[in-house]
Amino acid sequence: MPELPQRIWSDEDWKRIQLGYASRDMDEKWDVFTEGDVVFLHRSWTGNGTFAATFAPVGGGGGGGWRIGSAVVERDADRYRGTDDAYDCVMLELVISAIVLGEPATDLRSKLVELVRRESGSDAQAGLIQHSALGLRSDS
C-alpha cells in the first residue's frame, strides 16, 4: 500500500490488537488476527484476506508505541472492490480503531463517508455507507 495510516498506537493498543477480533454475528463484517507483528484483516462472511499490516515499534521499542511500517491490500476485484489508495488507508485504520479497539473513530468514519461519496457520486446516508463497509459490532 502506498498510503499508510500515520497513527502511532500505544503499547496497550498493540496488546489489544494482538488479541484480534472475531465477528459474532452476520452483521459484523471483519475478523482480525495477528501472527507475530503482522495483523490480518479478513472479511467475516467469506474468510477472504483483505489487508495484512506489518507493525513495528516506534523508535526501536521501549514504550514509544507501534505504527504500521508496511501493508498490502487485496486487488482482485472479485474479492475486494477497493481500488483507491486513500480509501484503503482509511479502511485499514478504521477497522483496527473502531472494530478491534472499539473506539468511536469519528474522524475516520467521516473520511470514509467523504471518500465513498466522492468516488460514487452518491449522497448516500453516512450510516448506510459505514454499515456497508464496517458492519455493526454487537456491543455498539
Protein backbone atom coordinates (compact mmCIF):
# COMPACT_ATOMS: atom_id res chain seq x y z
CA MET A 1 0.00 0.00 0.00
CA PRO A 2 1.49 3.34 -0.99
CA GLU A 3 -0.51 5.21 1.70
CA LEU A 4 -0.29 4.02 5.28
CA PRO A 5 -2.03 5.25 8.43
CA GLN A 6 0.25 7.60 10.33
CA ARG A 7 -1.23 6.83 13.73
CA ILE A 8 1.03 5.63 16.49
CA TRP A 9 -0.75 3.05 18.62
CA SER A 10 0.21 2.82 22.29
CA ASP A 11 1.75 -0.33 23.73
CA GLU A 12 -1.63 -1.01 25.38
CA ASP A 13 -3.38 -0.64 21.99
CA TRP A 14 -0.87 -3.05 20.44
CA LYS A 15 -1.56 -5.65 23.15
CA ARG A 16 -5.29 -5.37 22.41
CA ILE A 17 -4.73 -5.51 18.63
CA GLN A 18 -2.72 -8.71 19.11
CA LEU A 19 -5.79 -10.32 20.71
CA GLY A 20 -7.65 -9.78 17.44
CA TYR A 21 -11.37 -9.66 16.88
CA ALA A 22 -13.80 -12.38 15.83
CA SER A 23 -17.15 -11.40 14.36
CA ARG A 24 -20.00 -12.68 16.50
CA ASP A 25 -22.94 -12.50 14.09
CA MET A 26 -23.96 -11.81 10.49
CA ASP A 27 -23.97 -8.02 10.98
CA GLU A 28 -20.26 -7.95 11.68
CA LYS A 29 -18.03 -7.88 8.63
CA TRP A 30 -14.46 -8.25 9.87
CA ASP A 31 -12.29 -10.83 11.56
CA VAL A 32 -8.84 -9.68 12.68
CA PHE A 33 -5.93 -11.81 13.88
CA THR A 34 -2.22 -11.38 14.40
CA GLU A 35 0.76 -13.58 13.66
CA GLY A 36 3.96 -12.09 15.01
CA ASP A 37 3.94 -8.42 14.03
CA VAL A 38 1.50 -8.87 11.12
CA VAL A 39 -2.18 -8.02 11.58
CA PHE A 40 -4.54 -9.73 9.12
CA LEU A 41 -7.99 -8.33 8.34
CA HIS A 42 -10.38 -10.80 6.71
CA ARG A 43 -13.98 -10.43 5.62
CA SER A 44 -16.06 -12.47 8.05
CA TRP A 45 -18.56 -13.97 5.61
CA THR A 46 -16.05 -15.21 3.04
CA GLY A 47 -12.87 -15.52 5.08
CA ASN A 48 -11.06 -13.68 2.28
CA GLY A 49 -8.00 -11.78 3.39
CA THR A 50 -8.24 -8.09 2.57
CA PHE A 51 -5.36 -6.44 4.43
CA ALA A 52 -2.09 -7.56 6.02
CA ALA A 53 -0.36 -4.82 8.01
CA THR A 54 3.10 -5.21 9.49
CA PHE A 55 3.53 -3.27 12.72
CA ALA A 56 6.87 -2.04 14.01
CA PRO A 57 7.86 -0.44 17.29
CA VAL A 58 8.43 3.30 17.06
CA GLY A 59 11.99 4.30 17.84
CA GLY A 60 13.15 0.70 18.20
CA GLY A 61 10.81 -0.13 21.08
CA GLY A 62 10.97 0.92 24.68
CA GLY A 63 7.46 2.28 25.08
CA GLY A 64 7.34 4.56 22.05
CA GLY A 65 4.30 2.82 20.63
CA TRP A 66 3.65 0.99 17.37
CA ARG A 67 2.96 2.04 13.81
CA ILE A 68 2.22 0.30 10.55
CA GLY A 69 5.51 0.04 8.67
CA SER A 70 4.10 -1.69 5.59
CA ALA A 71 0.83 -3.18 4.40
CA VAL A 72 -0.68 -5.00 1.46
CA VAL A 73 -4.26 -4.96 0.22
CA GLU A 74 -6.21 -7.39 -1.96
CA ARG A 75 -6.66 -6.12 -5.52
CA ASP A 76 -8.69 -8.97 -7.01
CA ALA A 77 -12.00 -7.23 -7.81
CA ASP A 78 -13.90 -10.46 -7.12
CA ARG A 79 -12.62 -10.43 -3.54
CA TYR A 80 -12.38 -6.71 -2.70
CA ARG A 81 -13.83 -3.75 -4.54
CA GLY A 82 -11.38 -1.18 -3.26
CA THR A 83 -9.11 0.46 -5.81
CA ASP A 84 -8.44 3.79 -4.13
CA ASP A 85 -5.28 4.18 -2.03
CA ALA A 86 -6.79 6.83 0.26
CA TYR A 87 -9.88 4.65 0.88
CA ASP A 88 -7.69 1.63 1.70
CA CYS A 89 -5.61 3.67 4.14
CA VAL A 90 -8.72 4.92 5.95
CA MET A 91 -10.39 1.49 5.93
CA LEU A 92 -7.34 -0.25 7.40
CA GLU A 93 -7.04 2.24 10.24
CA LEU A 94 -10.79 2.36 10.78
CA VAL A 95 -11.21 -1.41 11.16
CA ILE A 96 -8.38 -1.55 13.69
CA SER A 97 -9.57 1.53 15.59
CA ALA A 98 -13.35 1.05 15.53
CA ILE A 99 -13.75 -2.72 15.32
CA VAL A 100 -10.74 -4.09 17.22
CA LEU A 101 -10.25 -1.30 19.76
CA GLY A 102 -13.90 -0.21 19.96
CA GLU A 103 -13.08 3.48 19.53
CA PRO A 104 -15.67 5.90 18.14
CA ALA A 105 -13.19 6.90 15.37
CA THR A 106 -15.46 9.78 14.35
CA ASP A 107 -12.90 11.49 12.10
CA LEU A 108 -12.07 8.25 10.28
CA ARG A 109 -15.76 7.47 9.80
CA SER A 110 -16.27 10.94 8.29
CA LYS A 111 -13.30 10.46 5.94
CA LEU A 112 -14.69 7.10 4.83
CA VAL A 113 -18.09 8.61 4.04
CA GLU A 114 -16.49 11.51 2.16
CA LEU A 115 -14.32 9.17 0.06
CA VAL A 116 -17.22 6.88 -0.81
CA ARG A 117 -19.48 9.77 -1.76
CA ARG A 118 -16.78 11.36 -3.90
CA GLU A 119 -15.92 8.07 -5.66
CA SER A 120 -19.52 7.02 -6.28
CA GLY A 121 -21.01 10.45 -6.91
CA SER A 122 -23.72 9.44 -4.45
CA ASP A 123 -25.06 11.27 -1.43
CA ALA A 124 -25.90 8.04 0.41
CA GLN A 125 -26.55 8.34 4.12
CA ALA A 126 -23.46 8.15 6.31
CA GLY A 127 -24.90 5.29 8.37
CA LEU A 128 -25.56 3.20 5.28
CA ILE A 129 -22.03 3.73 3.97
CA GLN A 130 -20.50 2.84 7.33
CA HIS A 131 -22.64 -0.26 7.76
CA SER A 132 -21.82 -1.43 4.25
CA ALA A 133 -18.07 -1.09 4.85
CA LEU A 134 -17.74 -1.94 8.54
CA GLY A 135 -20.84 -3.81 9.64
CA LEU A 136 -22.13 -3.42 13.15
CA ARG A 137 -20.40 -4.54 16.32
CA SER A 138 -22.68 -6.47 18.63
CA ASP A 139 -21.79 -4.17 21.51
CA SER A 140 -22.09 -0.85 19.64
